[in-house]
Structure formats: C-alpha cells, structure tokens
Protein backbone atom coordinates (compact mmCIF):
# COMPACT_ATOMS: atom_id res chain seq x y z
CA MET A 1 -133.36 95.66 87.12
CA ILE A 2 -132.95 92.40 85.21
CA ASP A 3 -134.86 89.23 85.99
CA PHE A 4 -132.69 86.61 84.30
CA SER A 5 -135.26 83.86 84.90
CA THR A 6 -137.85 85.57 82.70
CA SER A 7 -135.69 87.54 80.28
CA ASN A 8 -134.52 86.22 76.92
CA ARG A 9 -130.88 86.93 77.76
CA PHE A 10 -129.98 83.25 78.15
CA VAL A 11 -131.46 80.08 76.73
CA ASP A 12 -130.23 78.03 79.68
CA MET A 13 -129.33 78.78 83.32
CA SER A 14 -127.98 75.78 85.26
CA PRO A 15 -127.48 76.30 89.04
CA ILE A 16 -124.01 75.61 90.45
CA LEU A 17 -124.58 74.16 93.90
CA ILE A 18 -121.25 74.91 95.58
CA GLY A 19 -120.06 77.66 97.88
CA ALA A 20 -121.95 79.96 100.24
CA SER A 21 -125.69 79.40 100.53
CA ASN A 22 -126.46 83.13 100.33
CA THR A 23 -124.89 83.32 96.89
CA LYS A 24 -126.57 82.15 93.69
CA LYS A 25 -124.30 80.81 90.95
CA TYR A 26 -125.21 79.70 87.44
CA LYS A 27 -123.72 78.48 84.23
CA CYS A 28 -125.54 80.49 81.58
CA VAL A 29 -125.68 79.84 77.85
CA ASP A 30 -126.86 82.39 75.30
CA SER A 31 -128.50 81.77 71.93
CA SER A 32 -125.13 81.63 70.16
CA GLY A 33 -123.99 78.78 72.44
CA GLN A 34 -121.51 80.91 74.41
CA SER A 35 -121.24 80.10 78.13
CA PHE A 36 -120.87 82.50 81.05
CA PHE A 37 -120.58 82.35 84.83
CA LEU A 38 -123.23 84.34 86.70
CA LYS A 39 -123.00 85.12 90.43
CA ALA A 40 -125.70 87.01 92.33
CA GLU A 41 -126.21 87.93 95.98
CA GLU A 42 -127.84 90.59 98.11
CA VAL A 43 -125.63 93.55 99.00
CA LYS A 44 -126.31 96.26 101.55
CA ASN A 45 -124.55 99.08 99.79
CA PRO A 46 -124.19 99.69 96.01
CA GLN A 47 -120.90 101.49 96.63
CA SER A 48 -119.49 98.38 98.33
CA PHE A 49 -120.55 96.33 95.32
CA GLN A 50 -118.79 98.78 93.01
CA LEU A 51 -115.64 98.29 95.12
CA PHE A 52 -115.80 94.56 94.32
CA CYS A 53 -116.11 95.23 90.59
CA ASP A 54 -113.26 97.75 90.67
CA MET A 55 -111.19 95.15 92.51
CA ILE A 56 -111.73 92.47 89.86
CA ASN A 57 -111.14 94.92 87.01
CA GLY A 58 -107.95 96.09 88.72
CA LEU A 59 -106.35 92.64 88.73
CA PRO A 60 -103.54 91.99 86.24
CA PRO A 61 -104.57 90.24 83.00
CA PHE A 62 -105.07 86.46 83.05
CA ILE A 63 -105.37 86.22 86.85
CA ALA A 64 -109.14 85.75 87.15
CA PRO A 65 -111.95 85.07 84.66
CA GLN A 66 -112.76 88.26 82.78
CA LEU A 67 -115.58 90.36 84.25
CA ILE A 68 -117.90 91.05 81.33
CA GLU A 69 -120.61 93.07 83.04
CA HIS A 70 -122.15 93.82 86.42
CA GLY A 71 -125.36 95.34 87.71
CA PHE A 72 -128.51 94.56 89.68
CA CYS A 73 -131.06 91.82 89.14
CA ASN A 74 -134.03 90.29 90.96
CA GLU A 75 -131.61 88.30 93.17
CA GLY A 76 -129.51 91.31 94.17
CA ALA A 77 -126.23 92.45 92.67
CA TYR A 78 -124.74 90.31 89.93
CA VAL A 79 -121.47 89.81 88.08
CA LEU A 80 -121.13 88.04 84.74
CA HIS A 81 -117.77 86.43 83.99
CA GLU A 82 -116.37 84.50 81.09
CA TRP A 83 -116.83 80.77 81.48
CA ILE A 84 -113.68 78.69 82.01
CA ASP A 85 -113.75 75.35 80.21
CA GLY A 86 -111.72 73.07 82.44
CA ASP A 87 -111.77 71.86 86.02
CA ILE A 88 -110.99 72.88 89.57
CA LEU A 89 -107.24 72.43 90.05
CA GLN A 90 -107.68 70.32 93.17
CA ASN A 91 -109.76 67.80 91.21
CA THR A 92 -106.93 67.21 88.74
CA PHE A 93 -104.20 66.21 91.21
CA ALA A 94 -105.14 62.52 91.13
CA ASN A 95 -104.15 62.36 87.45
CA MET A 96 -100.91 64.35 87.82
CA GLY A 97 -97.40 63.13 88.43
CA LYS A 98 -95.35 64.66 91.23
CA ASN A 99 -93.31 66.75 88.82
CA VAL A 100 -96.42 68.25 87.21
CA GLN A 101 -97.94 69.02 90.62
CA TYR A 102 -94.78 70.86 91.62
CA LYS A 103 -94.86 72.93 88.41
CA PHE A 104 -98.49 73.87 88.99
CA GLY A 105 -97.46 74.95 92.49
CA LEU A 106 -94.91 77.29 90.90
CA LEU A 107 -97.61 78.69 88.58
CA ALA A 108 -99.98 79.27 91.50
CA ALA A 109 -97.19 81.07 93.38
CA ASP A 110 -96.58 83.40 90.44
CA ILE A 111 -100.27 84.31 90.37
CA LEU A 112 -100.37 84.96 94.11
CA LYS A 113 -97.35 87.27 93.89
CA LYS A 114 -99.17 89.32 91.24
CA ILE A 115 -102.30 89.49 93.41
CA HIS A 116 -100.27 90.68 96.40
CA ARG A 117 -98.86 93.55 94.34
CA CYS A 118 -102.35 95.00 93.85
CA LYS A 119 -103.66 97.84 95.99
CA PRO A 120 -105.72 96.68 99.02
CA ILE A 121 -109.45 97.42 99.03
CA ILE A 122 -110.55 99.33 102.15
CA GLY A 123 -114.34 99.50 102.53
CA LYS A 124 -116.29 101.98 104.65
CA ASP A 125 -116.77 99.42 107.47
CA ALA A 126 -113.13 98.31 107.53
CA HIS A 127 -111.51 97.74 110.91
CA LYS A 128 -109.45 100.70 112.09
CA ASP A 129 -107.00 98.76 114.25
CA SER A 130 -103.85 97.17 112.86
CA TRP A 131 -103.81 93.66 111.41
CA GLY A 132 -101.57 92.43 114.24
CA ASP A 133 -103.74 93.86 117.02
CA ARG A 134 -106.93 92.53 115.49
CA TYR A 135 -105.67 89.02 114.78
CA SER A 136 -103.85 88.57 118.07
CA ASN A 137 -107.04 89.54 119.93
CA ILE A 138 -109.07 87.09 117.83
CA ALA A 139 -106.48 84.36 118.46
CA ILE A 140 -106.57 84.83 122.23
CA ARG A 141 -110.39 84.87 122.35
CA THR A 142 -110.50 81.74 120.20
CA ALA A 143 -108.06 79.95 122.52
CA TYR A 144 -110.08 80.75 125.64
CA ASP A 145 -113.35 79.73 123.94
CA PHE A 146 -111.81 76.35 123.15
CA ILE A 147 -110.42 75.82 126.66
CA SER A 148 -113.94 75.96 128.05
CA SER A 149 -115.32 73.52 125.45
CA PRO A 150 -115.80 69.76 126.07
CA ASN A 151 -113.72 68.72 123.07
CA ARG A 152 -110.13 68.91 124.27
CA PHE A 153 -107.86 66.40 122.56
CA TYR A 154 -104.37 65.03 122.97
CA GLY A 155 -101.84 67.56 121.64
CA ASP A 156 -104.21 70.52 121.58
CA ASN A 157 -102.02 72.40 124.05
CA LYS A 158 -99.47 73.03 121.30
CA TYR A 159 -102.12 74.82 119.23
CA LEU A 160 -103.22 76.82 122.27
CA ILE A 161 -99.65 77.96 122.93
CA TRP A 162 -99.36 79.17 119.32
CA LEU A 163 -102.58 81.15 119.71
CA LYS A 164 -101.68 82.65 123.09
CA ASN A 165 -98.24 83.74 121.83
CA SER A 166 -99.74 85.67 118.91
CA LYS A 167 -99.15 89.16 120.37
CA LYS A 168 -95.47 88.40 120.87
CA LEU A 169 -95.20 86.99 117.33
CA PHE A 170 -96.72 90.07 115.68
CA LYS A 171 -94.20 92.26 117.50
CA GLU A 172 -91.39 90.37 115.74
CA ARG A 173 -92.60 91.22 112.24
CA ASN A 174 -94.07 94.43 110.86
CA VAL A 175 -97.12 93.34 108.85
CA SER A 176 -98.13 95.74 106.06
CA ASP A 177 -101.46 95.32 104.32
CA VAL A 178 -101.33 93.88 100.81
CA PHE A 179 -104.21 92.84 98.59
CA CYS A 180 -105.22 89.35 99.77
CA HIS A 181 -107.53 86.69 98.36
CA PHE A 182 -108.17 85.20 101.85
CA ASP A 183 -109.10 81.77 100.50
CA PHE A 184 -106.35 81.07 97.99
CA SER A 185 -106.24 77.31 97.43
CA PRO A 186 -106.42 74.70 94.64
CA ARG A 187 -110.19 74.49 95.17
CA ASN A 188 -110.47 78.16 94.16
CA ILE A 189 -108.22 77.87 91.11
CA MET A 190 -109.50 76.74 87.73
CA VAL A 191 -107.22 75.08 85.18
CA ASN A 192 -108.49 75.49 81.62
CA ASN A 193 -108.07 73.07 78.76
CA ASP A 194 -104.77 74.75 77.80
CA GLY A 195 -103.30 74.23 81.27
CA GLU A 196 -103.65 77.91 82.26
CA LEU A 197 -104.75 78.88 85.76
CA ARG A 198 -107.48 81.35 86.74
CA VAL A 199 -108.30 82.29 90.33
CA VAL A 200 -111.97 82.40 91.34
CA ASP A 201 -114.10 83.26 94.38
CA PHE A 202 -112.70 86.53 95.69
CA GLY A 203 -115.41 86.51 98.36
CA SER A 204 -118.59 88.45 98.84
CA LEU A 205 -119.81 90.97 96.27
CA ASP A 206 -120.24 93.37 99.21
CA LYS A 207 -116.79 94.85 99.86
CA SER A 208 -117.85 96.96 102.84
CA ARG A 209 -114.83 95.87 104.87
CA ARG A 210 -111.28 95.08 103.81
CA GLN A 211 -109.59 93.07 101.06
CA GLY A 212 -106.13 93.51 102.46
CA GLY A 213 -103.91 92.06 105.16
CA ASP A 214 -100.88 89.92 105.88
CA PRO A 215 -99.73 88.14 102.69
CA TYR A 216 -98.99 85.03 104.77
CA ILE A 217 -102.74 84.57 105.37
CA ASP A 218 -103.04 83.38 101.76
CA PHE A 219 -100.91 80.35 102.66
CA LYS A 220 -103.32 78.85 105.18
CA CYS A 221 -104.26 76.29 102.50
CA ILE A 222 -100.95 74.50 103.14
CA ARG A 223 -102.61 72.77 106.09
CA HIS A 224 -103.52 70.23 103.39
CA GLY A 225 -99.88 69.86 102.37
CA VAL A 226 -99.57 66.28 103.60
CA GLU A 227 -102.10 65.26 100.92
CA HIS A 228 -100.27 66.93 98.00
CA PRO A 229 -96.76 67.80 99.21
CA HIS A 230 -95.28 68.47 95.76
CA PHE A 231 -97.89 71.05 94.79
CA TYR A 232 -97.70 72.88 98.11
CA SER A 233 -93.89 72.75 98.23
CA GLY A 234 -93.74 74.22 94.72
CA PHE A 235 -96.26 76.85 95.79
CA ILE A 236 -94.14 77.92 98.78
CA ASN A 237 -90.76 77.74 97.01
CA GLY A 238 -92.07 79.57 93.94
CA TYR A 239 -93.45 82.43 96.00
CA PHE A 240 -90.26 83.03 97.98
CA GLY A 241 -87.79 81.99 95.28
CA THR A 242 -86.08 79.83 97.90
CA SER A 243 -86.97 78.31 101.26
CA PRO A 244 -89.18 80.73 103.23
CA PRO A 245 -87.82 82.60 106.28
CA PRO A 246 -88.24 80.76 109.62
CA ILE A 247 -90.83 83.25 110.86
CA PHE A 248 -93.11 82.27 107.96
CA TRP A 249 -93.66 78.82 109.47
CA ARG A 250 -94.49 80.33 112.87
CA PHE A 251 -97.13 82.58 111.33
CA ILE A 252 -98.56 79.70 109.34
CA SER A 253 -98.88 77.67 112.54
CA LEU A 254 -100.74 80.59 114.11
CA TYR A 255 -103.12 81.09 111.18
CA ILE A 256 -103.83 77.37 110.82
CA SER A 257 -104.47 77.09 114.56
CA LEU A 258 -106.91 79.95 114.31
CA ILE A 259 -108.78 78.36 111.39
CA ILE A 260 -108.99 74.97 113.09
CA PHE A 261 -110.17 76.24 116.47
CA LYS A 262 -112.63 78.83 115.16
CA ALA A 263 -114.28 76.14 113.04
CA LEU A 264 -114.21 73.69 115.95
CA ASN A 265 -115.78 76.21 118.34
CA THR A 266 -118.52 76.98 115.81
CA SER A 267 -119.31 73.28 115.34
CA VAL A 268 -119.51 72.76 119.11
CA LYS A 269 -121.87 75.73 119.59
CA SER A 270 -124.17 74.48 116.81
CA LYS A 271 -123.94 70.90 118.18
CA LYS A 272 -122.81 69.46 114.85
CA TRP A 273 -120.99 66.55 116.47
CA SER A 274 -120.03 64.77 113.23
CA SER A 275 -118.37 67.99 112.12
CA VAL A 276 -116.62 68.28 115.49
CA LYS A 277 -115.10 64.81 115.09
CA LEU A 278 -113.98 65.60 111.53
CA ARG A 279 -112.29 68.84 112.61
CA VAL A 280 -110.57 67.19 115.58
CA ASP A 281 -109.23 64.47 113.27
CA ARG A 282 -107.90 67.12 110.89
CA ALA A 283 -106.28 69.00 113.75
CA LYS A 284 -104.53 65.83 114.96
CA ARG A 285 -103.40 64.97 111.42
CA TYR A 286 -101.81 68.39 110.89
CA LEU A 287 -100.14 68.25 114.29
CA MET A 288 -98.50 64.95 113.32
CA THR A 289 -96.61 66.75 110.54
CA ILE A 290 -94.99 69.29 112.90
CA PRO A 291 -91.66 68.09 114.38
CA GLU A 292 -90.69 68.53 118.01
CA ASP A 293 -87.62 70.65 117.21
CA ASN A 294 -89.57 73.96 117.34
CA SER A 295 -88.78 74.66 113.68
CA PHE A 296 -92.51 74.60 112.79
CA ILE A 297 -91.53 73.20 109.36
CA PRO A 298 -93.93 70.37 108.43
CA THR A 299 -92.38 67.03 107.59
CA TRP A 300 -93.98 66.94 104.13
CA TYR A 301 -92.26 70.15 102.96
CA ILE A 302 -89.66 69.69 100.18
CA PRO A 303 -86.95 72.41 100.10
CA PRO A 304 -85.90 73.79 96.69
CA LEU A 305 -82.63 71.87 96.49
CA SER A 306 -84.07 68.53 97.55
CA GLN A 307 -87.12 68.14 95.35
CA GLU A 308 -88.04 64.48 95.44
CA LEU A 309 -89.60 64.43 92.01
C-alpha cells in the first residue's frame, strides 16, 4: 500500500479543494516535471473499485483524461490520471462569443452520445426495480416531503404536479438503461489548451450500485440554460441532430423538479436557511423560463433553424 505523502513518487502534491469532502484530490508533479491528477477515497469493496477502473478504461478514446494507474494507498483506493492543462469549460464562457459557445455545445453533445453508447455498469448493490418505477416513487416521496415543509413558494404547485404525474409519464416512454455520467455539465468538462474537451468526475470510486439509466438524466444541467442559452441549445440540438421530441422536455421538467426539491428538502432538514433561500430563488428563476402553453420548452431554447448567433 502506497503512502504518497512519504514516498518519493512525487516532488509536489497540491490539494484540490473542490468536490465531495470524502474524496481527496491532488495535482501531483514528479521529478521530471510531469503533472498528474490523483484522486483517493475509501471504498467498501475492492471489486466495486475495479468496476470503476474498468468503466473508465472502457470509455472511447479522448472522452476522459487517461487513467494511468490505480491501486490502494493510505487514503483508500486511488486513481492516477493524466493532467489536463486548461480550464473548466464553465469558467471559459465569459470570454466566448455566442457562436463559439454554441459550437462547444455541439462538441459536448458528441461526447455525451459516445458515453451513452457504452455498456452500463451494474454493481452488486444495484437496484433491482426498473428505472421508471424507482424514479417515480422517489418523485412522489419528494413531492409529499415538500408539501409538509414550511417553505412553499408562489408557483411551486407546477413543480409538484410534474412530480406527482411521474408514474403516468414513465408509462408513455420505455426507458432502457444506457451508460450515464449522472452529472454531465460544463463544470465537469475540461477544455485543454488546444480547445479539446475531456469529461471528468464520473462519481465515486466505489461502483457498488449502478452507472446506467435514462439518457435524459444527463441533461438535467440545462436548468442553467437561461445563463448560457447558446451553449445549452447547441448541446441539445447536437445530441438529437434536430429539435428534441416533445416528451424530452416533459422528462427534463420532471428531473429538474426532482433535483430542486430534493436539495430544498435536505436544506430544510439541516436548517441551512441561506441555502434554502438560494434554492427557492433558483426554482423561481427556472419556472419563469417555462411558458404557460404546456409545451415545457424553456423560453431561452434556440431551435436548430433559428440560431440567434
């Protein structure tokens, strides 16, 4: 078992203070000056950790930073990746024109399509019920938890209707498991100095459950579309090759409702009132982008033939 802090493997290990608190991340530099990304965390089962490594190695080339090695260290299991010289894609939007943002959306869509073609990872503790049954049950529980909370707000009934109608919605579309990232967004995409994209943060190193589900779940990031409409419109149009089917927008409304209300319920239970206010404000802001015509298509969305570039 390696102890990187006392070994001579690296001449410098700088902590990266972002992401989950139970995960340790470092930028490491060896004696030749080469940089690497090191991630370490405790895992319950070595076989589940091997599933994670097999998952990363099974991705198509140039999707994620290359996995150089993996094993166990004093901080748990670890993975060592190539270091990407560049920046988080989301941080670069301020310096991009609308046309460039749209093109990066197309690039992100192409990557996501390749990810969705990979075989899902099914761990030993994976849920046995179907995706639709599991998520509709979660949606209904989340709705009822919120109803009993003290933080109702104007317009929240629309979200609650979307959540309560989840069982009916899943009956309208047969959802087959595909390999999913589950947090695909510009904050988990690196852009290197050559303008190439690499996806990072595929979740916990312990793949005891499931890395598969409804491909639409990887579009929940579009709740931020009002902030960068050209990127997110390019992302959607590039994935579908045209405007998405109407049912896509209904599922996105469901998934976004679920994210918003689960986070809101958690903040209320932990009495983090500043977080509650922030989440309510975000919920209201997203709701303002949804028209009253029951199309579920947000007002910021730019169809393929009307790109306002």
